């Protein structure tokens, strides 16, 4: 099993969700995150208050899949999230040693 962590543009979330569904990934976790990339951060001043406008809103997806779905899952994310512009995001693939479904006690691939 592998855990795929992908940080994508919030505007591409629906497209990525549909692409994942098409390759058989129907369950994943996502959270709203902010990040700073290689581009410089910018600060704006409004009515005397300083605001960081360089932090960019993103979605972080956490997906655990069997080994045989890793490549198709990564390709689905890349193809649906890519704009070709700076800030499209990143994908990390990590090994998962164990998965347990709390309700039934199932372990391994059947738990996901």
PDB file of N, CA and C in Angstrom:
ATOM      1  N   UNK A   1       0.832  -1.171   0.000  1.00  0.00           N
ATOM      2  CA  UNK A   1       0.000   0.000   0.000  1.00  0.00           C
ATOM      3  C   UNK A   1       0.882   1.241   0.000  1.00  0.00           C
ATOM      4  N   UNK A   2       0.344   2.288  -0.605  1.00  0.00           N
ATOM      5  CA  UNK A   2       1.051   3.564  -0.640  1.00  0.00           C
ATOM      6  C   UNK A   2       0.096   4.674  -0.238  1.00  0.00           C
ATOM      7  N   UNK A   3       0.669   5.700   0.383  1.00  0.00           N
ATOM      8  CA  UNK A   3      -0.078   6.910   0.703  1.00  0.00           C
ATOM      9  C   UNK A   3       0.377   7.985  -0.271  1.00  0.00           C
ATOM     10  N   UNK A   4      -0.566   8.586  -0.946  1.00  0.00           N
ATOM     11  CA  UNK A   4      -0.281   9.653  -1.885  1.00  0.00           C
ATOM     12  C   UNK A   4      -0.747  10.953  -1.252  1.00  0.00           C
ATOM     13  N   UNK A   5       0.181  11.881  -1.079  1.00  0.00           N
ATOM     14  CA  UNK A   5      -0.148  13.208  -0.566  1.00  0.00           C
ATOM     15  C   UNK A   5       0.021  14.183  -1.721  1.00  0.00           C
ATOM     16  N   UNK A   6      -1.049  14.865  -2.066  1.00  0.00           N
ATOM     17  CA  UNK A   6      -1.004  15.805  -3.175  1.00  0.00           C
ATOM     18  C   UNK A   6      -1.504  17.160  -2.712  1.00  0.00           C
ATOM     19  N   UNK A   7      -0.742  18.193  -3.010  1.00  0.00           N
ATOM     20  CA  UNK A   7      -1.168  19.556  -2.750  1.00  0.00           C
ATOM     21  C   UNK A   7      -1.466  20.178  -4.100  1.00  0.00           C
ATOM     22  N   UNK A   8      -2.714  20.625  -4.281  1.00  0.00           N
ATOM     23  CA  UNK A   8      -3.165  21.123  -5.580  1.00  0.00           C
ATOM     24  C   UNK A   8      -3.834  22.492  -5.418  1.00  0.00           C
ATOM     25  N   UNK A   9      -4.042  23.165  -6.537  1.00  0.00           N
ATOM     26  CA  UNK A   9      -4.800  24.413  -6.537  1.00  0.00           C
ATOM     27  C   UNK A   9      -6.238  24.109  -6.116  1.00  0.00           C
ATOM     28  N   UNK A  10      -6.805  24.966  -5.295  1.00  0.00           N
ATOM     29  CA  UNK A  10      -8.196  24.786  -4.871  1.00  0.00           C
ATOM     30  C   UNK A  10      -9.142  24.802  -6.060  1.00  0.00           C
ATOM     31  N   UNK A  11      -8.812  25.593  -7.070  1.00  0.00           N
ATOM     32  CA  UNK A  11      -9.678  25.703  -8.253  1.00  0.00           C
ATOM     33  C   UNK A  11      -9.719  24.421  -9.074  1.00  0.00           C
ATOM     34  N   UNK A  12      -8.774  23.510  -8.874  1.00  0.00           N
ATOM     35  CA  UNK A  12      -8.722  22.256  -9.629  1.00  0.00           C
ATOM     36  C   UNK A  12      -9.302  21.079  -8.855  1.00  0.00           C
ATOM     37  N   UNK A  13      -9.795  21.321  -7.646  1.00  0.00           N
ATOM     38  CA  UNK A  13     -10.243  20.232  -6.786  1.00  0.00           C
ATOM     39  C   UNK A  13     -11.333  19.373  -7.422  1.00  0.00           C
ATOM     40  N   UNK A  14     -12.361  19.979  -7.980  1.00  0.00           N
ATOM     41  CA  UNK A  14     -13.459  19.202  -8.569  1.00  0.00           C
ATOM     42  C   UNK A  14     -12.981  18.346  -9.734  1.00  0.00           C
ATOM     43  N   UNK A  15     -12.102  18.889 -10.570  1.00  0.00           N
ATOM     44  CA  UNK A  15     -11.558  18.120 -11.694  1.00  0.00           C
ATOM     45  C   UNK A  15     -10.748  16.928 -11.199  1.00  0.00           C
ATOM     46  N   UNK A  16      -9.949  17.147 -10.174  1.00  0.00           N
ATOM     47  CA  UNK A  16      -9.132  16.063  -9.609  1.00  0.00           C
ATOM     48  C   UNK A  16     -10.034  15.007  -8.988  1.00  0.00           C
ATOM     49  N   UNK A  17     -11.049  15.425  -8.267  1.00  0.00           N
ATOM     50  CA  UNK A  17     -11.978  14.478  -7.637  1.00  0.00           C
ATOM     51  C   UNK A  17     -12.634  13.589  -8.688  1.00  0.00           C
ATOM     52  N   UNK A  18     -13.074  14.169  -9.800  1.00  0.00           N
ATOM     53  CA  UNK A  18     -13.683  13.386 -10.883  1.00  0.00           C
ATOM     54  C   UNK A  18     -12.680  12.430 -11.510  1.00  0.00           C
ATOM     55  N   UNK A  19     -11.448  12.897 -11.718  1.00  0.00           N
ATOM     56  CA  UNK A  19     -10.413  12.047 -12.313  1.00  0.00           C
ATOM     57  C   UNK A  19     -10.083  10.870 -11.401  1.00  0.00           C
ATOM     58  N   UNK A  20     -10.039  11.118 -10.092  1.00  0.00           N
ATOM     59  CA  UNK A  20      -9.779  10.026  -9.151  1.00  0.00           C
ATOM     60  C   UNK A  20     -10.909   9.006  -9.177  1.00  0.00           C
ATOM     61  N   UNK A  21     -12.122   9.464  -9.253  1.00  0.00           N
ATOM     62  CA  UNK A  21     -13.269   8.560  -9.318  1.00  0.00           C
ATOM     63  C   UNK A  21     -13.183   7.675 -10.564  1.00  0.00           C
ATOM     64  N   UNK A  22     -12.749   8.249 -11.682  1.00  0.00           N
ATOM     65  CA  UNK A  22     -12.636   7.494 -12.927  1.00  0.00           C
ATOM     66  C   UNK A  22     -11.607   6.375 -12.854  1.00  0.00           C
ATOM     67  N   UNK A  23     -10.571   6.520 -12.028  1.00  0.00           N
ATOM     68  CA  UNK A  23      -9.559   5.464 -11.909  1.00  0.00           C
ATOM     69  C   UNK A  23      -9.831   4.526 -10.733  1.00  0.00           C
ATOM     70  N   UNK A  24     -10.969   4.717 -10.058  1.00  0.00           N
ATOM     71  CA  UNK A  24     -11.356   3.793  -8.999  1.00  0.00           C
ATOM     72  C   UNK A  24     -11.029   4.235  -7.588  1.00  0.00           C
ATOM     73  N   UNK A  25     -10.653   5.494  -7.413  1.00  0.00           N
ATOM     74  CA  UNK A  25     -10.381   6.018  -6.071  1.00  0.00           C
ATOM     75  C   UNK A  25     -11.617   6.787  -5.624  1.00  0.00           C
ATOM     76  N   UNK A  26     -12.400   6.179  -4.742  1.00  0.00           N
ATOM     77  CA  UNK A  26     -13.646   6.792  -4.309  1.00  0.00           C
ATOM     78  C   UNK A  26     -13.570   7.376  -2.907  1.00  0.00           C
ATOM     79  N   UNK A  27     -12.482   7.123  -2.199  1.00  0.00           N
ATOM     80  CA  UNK A  27     -12.344   7.643  -0.838  1.00  0.00           C
ATOM     81  C   UNK A  27     -10.983   8.283  -0.667  1.00  0.00           C
ATOM     82  N   UNK A  28     -10.991   9.487  -0.157  1.00  0.00           N
ATOM     83  CA  UNK A  28      -9.752  10.154   0.231  1.00  0.00           C
ATOM     84  C   UNK A  28     -10.098  11.259   1.212  1.00  0.00           C
ATOM     85  N   UNK A  29      -9.078  11.755   1.875  1.00  0.00           N
ATOM     86  CA  UNK A  29      -9.234  12.845   2.828  1.00  0.00           C
ATOM     87  C   UNK A  29      -8.616  14.093   2.220  1.00  0.00           C
ATOM     88  N   UNK A  30      -9.261  15.236   2.458  1.00  0.00           N
ATOM     89  CA  UNK A  30      -8.660  16.485   1.998  1.00  0.00           C
ATOM     90  C   UNK A  30      -8.849  17.573   3.050  1.00  0.00           C
ATOM     91  N   UNK A  31      -7.915  18.502   3.041  1.00  0.00           N
ATOM     92  CA  UNK A  31      -7.984  19.634   3.962  1.00  0.00           C
ATOM     93  C   UNK A  31      -7.580  20.897   3.214  1.00  0.00           C
ATOM     94  N   UNK A  32      -8.059  22.035   3.691  1.00  0.00           N
ATOM     95  CA  UNK A  32      -7.635  23.318   3.148  1.00  0.00           C
ATOM     96  C   UNK A  32      -6.313  23.687   3.806  1.00  0.00           C
ATOM     97  N   UNK A  33      -5.349  24.050   2.986  1.00  0.00           N
ATOM     98  CA  UNK A  33      -4.036  24.425   3.496  1.00  0.00           C
ATOM     99  C   UNK A  33      -3.572  25.700   2.808  1.00  0.00           C
ATOM    100  N   UNK A  34      -2.555  26.316   3.367  1.00  0.00           N
ATOM    101  CA  UNK A  34      -1.891  27.449   2.727  1.00  0.00           C
ATOM    102  C   UNK A  34      -0.419  27.117   2.645  1.00  0.00           C
ATOM    103  N   UNK A  35       0.231  27.641   1.638  1.00  0.00           N
ATOM    104  CA  UNK A  35       1.643  27.354   1.488  1.00  0.00           C
ATOM    105  C   UNK A  35       2.378  28.486   0.805  1.00  0.00           C
ATOM    106  N   UNK A  36       3.675  28.364   0.849  1.00  0.00           N
ATOM    107  CA  UNK A  36       4.548  29.327   0.188  1.00  0.00           C
ATOM    108  C   UNK A  36       5.486  28.532  -0.693  1.00  0.00           C
ATOM    109  N   UNK A  37       5.570  28.914  -1.943  1.00  0.00           N
ATOM    110  CA  UNK A  37       6.417  28.205  -2.890  1.00  0.00           C
ATOM    111  C   UNK A  37       7.689  28.968  -3.193  1.00  0.00           C
ATOM    112  N   UNK A  38       8.257  28.689  -4.363  1.00  0.00           N
ATOM    113  CA  UNK A  38       9.512  29.327  -4.757  1.00  0.00           C
ATOM    114  C   UNK A  38       9.333  30.809  -5.058  1.00  0.00           C
ATOM    115  N   UNK A  39       8.122  31.184  -5.446  1.00  0.00           N
ATOM    116  CA  UNK A  39       7.905  32.598  -5.726  1.00  0.00           C
ATOM    117  C   UNK A  39       7.961  33.401  -4.428  1.00  0.00           C
ATOM    118  N   UNK A  40       8.342  34.636  -4.535  1.00  0.00           N
ATOM    119  CA  UNK A  40       8.470  35.494  -3.353  1.00  0.00           C
ATOM    120  C   UNK A  40       7.098  35.782  -2.755  1.00  0.00           C
ATOM    121  N   UNK A  41       7.057  35.927  -1.441  1.00  0.00           N
ATOM    122  CA  UNK A  41       5.812  36.313  -0.795  1.00  0.00           C
ATOM    123  C   UNK A  41       5.633  37.818  -0.913  1.00  0.00           C
ATOM    124  N   UNK A  42       4.386  38.238  -0.900  1.00  0.00           N
ATOM    125  CA  UNK A  42       4.077  39.660  -1.028  1.00  0.00           C
ATOM    126  C   UNK A  42       3.258  40.090   0.173  1.00  0.00           C
ATOM    127  N   UNK A  43       3.442  41.337   0.534  1.00  0.00           N
ATOM    128  CA  UNK A  43       2.699  41.883   1.648  1.00  0.00           C
ATOM    129  C   UNK A  43       1.948  43.112   1.160  1.00  0.00           C
ATOM    130  N   UNK A  44       0.703  43.231   1.577  1.00  0.00           N
ATOM    131  CA  UNK A  44      -0.088  44.404   1.224  1.00  0.00           C
ATOM    132  C   UNK A  44      -0.454  45.146   2.501  1.00  0.00           C
ATOM    133  N   UNK A  45      -0.639  46.424   2.364  1.00  0.00           N
ATOM    134  CA  UNK A  45      -1.051  47.241   3.496  1.00  0.00           C
ATOM    135  C   UNK A  45      -2.429  47.809   3.180  1.00  0.00           C
ATOM    136  N   UNK A  46      -3.364  47.579   4.083  1.00  0.00           N
ATOM    137  CA  UNK A  46      -4.720  48.102   3.917  1.00  0.00           C
ATOM    138  C   UNK A  46      -5.148  48.727   5.228  1.00  0.00           C
ATOM    139  N   UNK A  47      -5.407  50.010   5.186  1.00  0.00           N
ATOM    140  CA  UNK A  47      -5.814  50.773   6.371  1.00  0.00           C
ATOM    141  C   UNK A  47      -4.849  50.568   7.546  1.00  0.00           C
ATOM    142  N   UNK A  48      -3.581  50.587   7.229  1.00  0.00           N
ATOM    143  CA  UNK A  48      -2.570  50.494   8.261  1.00  0.00           C
ATOM    144  C   UNK A  48      -2.230  49.082   8.723  1.00  0.00           C
ATOM    145  N   UNK A  49      -2.966  48.084   8.268  1.00  0.00           N
ATOM    146  CA  UNK A  49      -2.696  46.688   8.645  1.00  0.00           C
ATOM    147  C   UNK A  49      -1.923  45.994   7.531  1.00  0.00           C
ATOM    148  N   UNK A  50      -0.977  45.152   7.928  1.00  0.00           N
ATOM    149  CA  UNK A  50      -0.173  44.406   6.958  1.00  0.00           C
ATOM    150  C   UNK A  50      -0.809  43.027   6.743  1.00  0.00           C
ATOM    151  N   UNK A  51      -0.938  42.635   5.478  1.00  0.00           N
ATOM    152  CA  UNK A  51      -1.520  41.340   5.116  1.00  0.00           C
ATOM    153  C   UNK A  51      -0.552  40.579   4.235  1.00  0.00           C
ATOM    154  N   UNK A  52      -0.401  39.295   4.510  1.00  0.00           N
ATOM    155  CA  UNK A  52       0.430  38.422   3.679  1.00  0.00           C
ATOM    156  C   UNK A  52      -0.424  37.936   2.518  1.00  0.00           C
ATOM    157  N   UNK A  53      -0.140  38.420   1.322  1.00  0.00           N
ATOM    158  CA  UNK A  53      -0.891  37.982   0.148  1.00  0.00           C
ATOM    159  C   UNK A  53      -0.079  36.980  -0.674  1.00  0.00           C
ATOM    160  N   UNK A  54       1.065  36.549  -0.134  1.00  0.00           N
ATOM    161  CA  UNK A  54       1.898  35.576  -0.820  1.00  0.00           C
ATOM    162  C   UNK A  54       1.531  34.141  -0.488  1.00  0.00           C
ATOM    163  N   UNK A  55       0.820  33.937   0.616  1.00  0.00           N
ATOM    164  CA  UNK A  55       0.360  32.597   0.962  1.00  0.00           C
ATOM    165  C   UNK A  55      -0.788  32.236   0.043  1.00  0.00           C
ATOM    166  N   UNK A  56      -0.707  31.056  -0.509  1.00  0.00           N
ATOM    167  CA  UNK A  56      -1.679  30.644  -1.511  1.00  0.00           C
ATOM    168  C   UNK A  56      -2.557  29.533  -0.954  1.00  0.00           C
ATOM    169  N   UNK A  57      -3.867  29.665  -1.095  1.00  0.00           N
ATOM    170  CA  UNK A  57      -4.793  28.630  -0.632  1.00  0.00           C
ATOM    171  C   UNK A  57      -4.708  27.418  -1.549  1.00  0.00           C
ATOM    172  N   UNK A  58      -4.633  26.258  -0.933  1.00  0.00           N
ATOM    173  CA  UNK A  58      -4.529  24.993  -1.657  1.00  0.00           C
ATOM    174  C   UNK A  58      -5.394  23.946  -0.975  1.00  0.00           C
ATOM    175  N   UNK A  59      -5.537  22.802  -1.638  1.00  0.00           N
ATOM    176  CA  UNK A  59      -6.149  21.624  -1.036  1.00  0.00           C
ATOM    177  C   UNK A  59      -5.055  20.570  -0.925  1.00  0.00           C
ATOM    178  N   UNK A  60      -5.023  19.887   0.209  1.00  0.00           N
ATOM    179  CA  UNK A  60      -4.092  18.771   0.382  1.00  0.00           C
ATOM    180  C   UNK A  60      -4.925  17.506   0.431  1.00  0.00           C
ATOM    181  N   UNK A  61      -4.633  16.585  -0.471  1.00  0.00           N
ATOM    182  CA  UNK A  61      -5.327  15.309  -0.542  1.00  0.00           C
ATOM    183  C   UNK A  61      -4.449  14.234   0.050  1.00  0.00           C
ATOM    184  N   UNK A  62      -5.044  13.352   0.830  1.00  0.00           N
ATOM    185  CA  UNK A  62      -4.347  12.191   1.374  1.00  0.00           C
ATOM    186  C   UNK A  62      -5.114  10.959   0.927  1.00  0.00           C
ATOM    187  N   UNK A  63      -4.433  10.115   0.151  1.00  0.00           N
ATOM    188  CA  UNK A  63      -5.072   8.966  -0.479  1.00  0.00           C
ATOM    189  C   UNK A  63      -4.230   7.738  -0.200  1.00  0.00           C
ATOM    190  N   UNK A  64      -4.836   6.663   0.286  1.00  0.00           N
ATOM    191  CA  UNK A  64      -4.121   5.400   0.465  1.00  0.00           C
ATOM    192  C   UNK A  64      -4.698   4.412  -0.545  1.00  0.00           C
ATOM    193  N   UNK A  65      -3.810   3.831  -1.354  1.00  0.00           N
ATOM    194  CA  UNK A  65      -4.238   2.914  -2.413  1.00  0.00           C
ATOM    195  C   UNK A  65      -3.362   1.669  -2.414  1.00  0.00           C
ATOM    196  N   UNK A  66      -3.890   0.568  -2.964  1.00  0.00           N
ATOM    197  CA  UNK A  66      -3.034  -0.612  -3.160  1.00  0.00           C
ATOM    198  C   UNK A  66      -1.928  -0.276  -4.164  1.00  0.00           C
ATOM    199  N   UNK A  67      -0.845  -1.012  -4.123  1.00  0.00           N
ATOM    200  CA  UNK A  67       0.295  -0.737  -4.996  1.00  0.00           C
ATOM    201  C   UNK A  67      -0.081  -0.681  -6.470  1.00  0.00           C
ATOM    202  N   UNK A  68      -1.051  -1.500  -6.887  1.00  0.00           N
ATOM    203  CA  UNK A  68      -1.400  -1.546  -8.314  1.00  0.00           C
ATOM    204  C   UNK A  68      -2.156  -0.304  -8.792  1.00  0.00           C
ATOM    205  N   UNK A  69      -2.602   0.564  -7.887  1.00  0.00           N
ATOM    206  CA  UNK A  69      -3.316   1.783  -8.291  1.00  0.00           C
ATOM    207  C   UNK A  69      -2.474   3.052  -8.174  1.00  0.00           C
ATOM    208  N   UNK A  70      -1.227   2.916  -7.759  1.00  0.00           N
ATOM    209  CA  UNK A  70      -0.395   4.102  -7.516  1.00  0.00           C
ATOM    210  C   UNK A  70      -0.192   4.909  -8.793  1.00  0.00           C
ATOM    211  N   UNK A  71       0.279   4.282  -9.853  1.00  0.00           N
ATOM    212  CA  UNK A  71       0.587   5.018 -11.082  1.00  0.00           C
ATOM    213  C   UNK A  71      -0.655   5.665 -11.684  1.00  0.00           C
ATOM    214  N   UNK A  72      -1.760   4.950 -11.742  1.00  0.00           N
ATOM    215  CA  UNK A  72      -2.973   5.527 -12.328  1.00  0.00           C
ATOM    216  C   UNK A  72      -3.513   6.669 -11.473  1.00  0.00           C
ATOM    217  N   UNK A  73      -3.350   6.575 -10.149  1.00  0.00           N
ATOM    218  CA  UNK A  73      -3.801   7.640  -9.254  1.00  0.00           C
ATOM    219  C   UNK A  73      -2.945   8.891  -9.432  1.00  0.00           C
ATOM    220  N   UNK A  74      -1.641   8.718  -9.458  1.00  0.00           N
ATOM    221  CA  UNK A  74      -0.733   9.852  -9.651  1.00  0.00           C
ATOM    222  C   UNK A  74      -0.988  10.498 -11.010  1.00  0.00           C
ATOM    223  N   UNK A  75      -1.126   9.690 -12.061  1.00  0.00           N
ATOM    224  CA  UNK A  75      -1.382  10.230 -13.402  1.00  0.00           C
ATOM    225  C   UNK A  75      -2.702  10.989 -13.458  1.00  0.00           C
ATOM    226  N   UNK A  76      -3.722  10.481 -12.768  1.00  0.00           N
ATOM    227  CA  UNK A  76      -5.019  11.161 -12.750  1.00  0.00           C
ATOM    228  C   UNK A  76      -4.894  12.540 -12.103  1.00  0.00           C
ATOM    229  N   UNK A  77      -4.136  12.615 -11.016  1.00  0.00           N
ATOM    230  CA  UNK A  77      -3.949  13.902 -10.333  1.00  0.00           C
ATOM    231  C   UNK A  77      -3.167  14.866 -11.228  1.00  0.00           C
ATOM    232  N   UNK A  78      -2.062  14.406 -11.792  1.00  0.00           N
ATOM    233  CA  UNK A  78      -1.225  15.269 -12.632  1.00  0.00           C
ATOM    234  C   UNK A  78      -2.028  15.785 -13.828  1.00  0.00           C
ATOM    235  N   UNK A  79      -2.710  14.891 -14.520  1.00  0.00           N
ATOM    236  CA  UNK A  79      -3.427  15.283 -15.732  1.00  0.00           C
ATOM    237  C   UNK A  79      -4.588  16.230 -15.459  1.00  0.00           C
ATOM    238  N   UNK A  80      -5.226  16.106 -14.316  1.00  0.00           N
ATOM    239  CA  UNK A  80      -6.385  16.954 -14.029  1.00  0.00           C
ATOM    240  C   UNK A  80      -6.019  18.236 -13.273  1.00  0.00           C
ATOM    241  N   UNK A  81      -4.872  18.269 -12.609  1.00  0.00           N
ATOM    242  CA  UNK A  81      -4.493  19.444 -11.814  1.00  0.00           C
ATOM    243  C   UNK A  81      -3.520  20.370 -12.527  1.00  0.00           C
ATOM    244  N   UNK A  82      -2.918  19.897 -13.600  1.00  0.00           N
ATOM    245  CA  UNK A  82      -1.858  20.659 -14.262  1.00  0.00           C
ATOM    246  C   UNK A  82      -2.412  21.831 -15.071  1.00  0.00           C
ATOM    247  N   UNK A  83      -1.838  23.013 -14.831  1.00  0.00           N
ATOM    248  CA  UNK A  83      -2.141  24.185 -15.650  1.00  0.00           C
ATOM    249  C   UNK A  83      -0.913  24.622 -16.437  1.00  0.00           C
ATOM    250  N   UNK A  84       0.256  24.163 -16.013  1.00  0.00           N
ATOM    251  CA  UNK A  84       1.495  24.580 -16.646  1.00  0.00           C
ATOM    252  C   UNK A  84       2.079  25.839 -16.041  1.00  0.00           C
ATOM    253  N   UNK A  85       1.413  26.385 -15.045  1.00  0.00           N
ATOM    254  CA  UNK A  85       1.863  27.611 -14.386  1.00  0.00           C
ATOM    255  C   UNK A  85       2.570  27.264 -13.073  1.00  0.00           C
ATOM    256  N   UNK A  86       3.354  28.206 -12.569  1.00  0.00           N
ATOM    257  CA  UNK A  86       3.977  28.036 -11.267  1.00  0.00           C
ATOM    258  C   UNK A  86       2.876  27.894 -10.228  1.00  0.00           C
ATOM    259  N   UNK A  87       3.046  26.935  -9.306  1.00  0.00           N
ATOM    260  CA  UNK A  87       2.066  26.764  -8.236  1.00  0.00           C
ATOM    261  C   UNK A  87       1.059  25.663  -8.472  1.00  0.00           C
ATOM    262  N   UNK A  88       1.306  24.792  -9.445  1.00  0.00           N
ATOM    263  CA  UNK A  88       0.373  23.689  -9.699  1.00  0.00           C
ATOM    264  C   UNK A  88       0.346  22.686  -8.543  1.00  0.00           C
ATOM    265  N   UNK A  89       1.422  22.583  -7.776  1.00  0.00           N
ATOM    266  CA  UNK A  89       1.416  21.711  -6.609  1.00  0.00           C
ATOM    267  C   UNK A  89       2.484  20.653  -6.640  1.00  0.00           C
ATOM    268  N   UNK A  90       2.372  19.728  -5.713  1.00  0.00           N
ATOM    269  CA  UNK A  90       3.338  18.631  -5.563  1.00  0.00           C
ATOM    270  C   UNK A  90       2.596  17.363  -5.188  1.00  0.00           C
ATOM    271  N   UNK A  91       3.225  16.226  -5.498  1.00  0.00           N
ATOM    272  CA  UNK A  91       2.704  14.911  -5.117  1.00  0.00           C
ATOM    273  C   UNK A  91       3.843  14.133  -4.466  1.00  0.00           C
ATOM    274  N   UNK A  92       3.542  13.517  -3.335  1.00  0.00           N
ATOM    275  CA  UNK A  92       4.502  12.654  -2.651  1.00  0.00           C
ATOM    276  C   UNK A  92       3.873  11.285  -2.480  1.00  0.00           C
ATOM    277  N   UNK A  93       4.670  10.243  -2.700  1.00  0.00           N
ATOM    278  CA  UNK A  93       4.209   8.863  -2.531  1.00  0.00           C
ATOM    279  C   UNK A  93       5.034   8.234  -1.424  1.00  0.00           C
ATOM    280  N   UNK A  94       4.329   7.732  -0.388  1.00  0.00           N
ATOM    281  CA  UNK A  94       4.991   7.150   0.775  1.00  0.00           C
ATOM    282  C   UNK A  94       4.510   5.718   0.986  1.00  0.00           C
ATOM    283  N   UNK A  95       5.334   4.899   1.576  1.00  0.00           N
ATOM    284  CA  UNK A  95       4.950   3.528   1.895  1.00  0.00           C
ATOM    285  C   UNK A  95       4.053   3.512   3.134  1.00  0.00           C
ATOM    286  N   UNK A  96       3.087   2.611   3.121  1.00  0.00           N
ATOM    287  CA  UNK A  96       2.200   2.407   4.270  1.00  0.00           C
ATOM    288  C   UNK A  96       2.436   0.991   4.770  1.00  0.00           C
ATOM    289  N   UNK A  97       2.819   0.859   6.018  1.00  0.00           N
ATOM    290  CA  UNK A  97       3.123  -0.452   6.583  1.00  0.00           C
ATOM    291  C   UNK A  97       1.874  -1.219   6.988  1.00  0.00           C
ATOM    292  N   UNK A  98       0.861  -0.505   7.451  1.00  0.00           N
ATOM    293  CA  UNK A  98      -0.313  -1.202   7.954  1.00  0.00           C
ATOM    294  C   UNK A  98      -1.525  -0.291   7.869  1.00  0.00           C
ATOM    295  N   UNK A  99      -2.672  -0.881   7.557  1.00  0.00           N
ATOM    296  CA  UNK A  99      -3.950  -0.171   7.575  1.00  0.00           C
ATOM    297  C   UNK A  99      -4.957  -1.053   8.301  1.00  0.00           C
ATOM    298  N   UNK A 100      -5.756  -0.450   9.161  1.00  0.00           N
ATOM    299  CA  UNK A 100      -6.771  -1.192   9.920  1.00  0.00           C
ATOM    300  C   UNK A 100      -8.088  -0.436   9.830  1.00  0.00           C
ATOM    301  N   UNK A 101      -9.141  -1.131   9.441  1.00  0.00           N
ATOM    302  CA  UNK A 101     -10.475  -0.543   9.477  1.00  0.00           C
ATOM    303  C   UNK A 101     -10.998  -0.686  10.896  1.00  0.00           C
ATOM    304  N   UNK A 102     -11.280   0.410  11.540  1.00  0.00           N
ATOM    305  CA  UNK A 102     -11.664   0.400  12.947  1.00  0.00           C
ATOM    306  C   UNK A 102     -12.949  -0.389  13.177  1.00  0.00           C
ATOM    307  N   UNK A 103     -13.949  -0.188  12.332  1.00  0.00           N
ATOM    308  CA  UNK A 103     -15.249  -0.832  12.523  1.00  0.00           C
ATOM    309  C   UNK A 103     -15.167  -2.350  12.540  1.00  0.00           C
ATOM    310  N   UNK A 104     -14.437  -2.928  11.564  1.00  0.00           N
ATOM    311  CA  UNK A 104     -14.444  -4.383  11.420  1.00  0.00           C
ATOM    312  C   UNK A 104     -13.161  -5.075  11.836  1.00  0.00           C
ATOM    313  N   UNK A 105     -12.091  -4.303  11.987  1.00  0.00           N
ATOM    314  CA  UNK A 105     -10.806  -4.905  12.312  1.00  0.00           C
ATOM    315  C   UNK A 105     -10.060  -5.441  11.108  1.00  0.00           C
ATOM    316  N   UNK A 106     -10.608  -5.265   9.895  1.00  0.00           N
ATOM    317  CA  UNK A 106      -9.923  -5.720   8.686  1.00  0.00           C
ATOM    318  C   UNK A 106      -8.575  -5.009   8.569  1.00  0.00           C
ATOM    319  N   UNK A 107      -7.604  -5.717   7.981  1.00  0.00           N
ATOM    320  CA  UNK A 107      -6.266  -5.155   7.843  1.00  0.00           C
ATOM    321  C   UNK A 107      -5.801  -5.260   6.393  1.00  0.00           C
ATOM    322  N   UNK A 108      -4.794  -4.438   6.056  1.00  0.00           N
ATOM    323  CA  UNK A 108      -4.200  -4.487   4.724  1.00  0.00           C
ATOM    324  C   UNK A 108      -5.079  -3.855   3.668  1.00  0.00           C
ATOM    325  N   UNK A 109      -4.971  -4.369   2.438  1.00  0.00           N
ATOM    326  CA  UNK A 109      -5.716  -3.817   1.314  1.00  0.00           C
ATOM    327  C   UNK A 109      -7.226  -3.814   1.534  1.00  0.00           C
ATOM    328  N   UNK A 110      -7.739  -4.809   2.239  1.00  0.00           N
ATOM    329  CA  UNK A 110      -9.196  -4.862   2.457  1.00  0.00           C
ATOM    330  C   UNK A 110      -9.658  -3.749   3.405  1.00  0.00           C
ATOM    331  N   UNK A 111      -8.750  -3.185   4.173  1.00  0.00           N
ATOM    332  CA  UNK A 111      -9.114  -2.110   5.094  1.00  0.00           C
ATOM    333  C   UNK A 111      -9.279  -0.778   4.372  1.00  0.00           C
ATOM    334  N   UNK A 112      -8.704  -0.674   3.163  1.00  0.00           N
ATOM    335  CA  UNK A 112      -8.817   0.573   2.430  1.00  0.00           C
ATOM    336  C   UNK A 112      -9.894   0.446   1.393  1.00  0.00           C
TER     337      UNK A 112
END
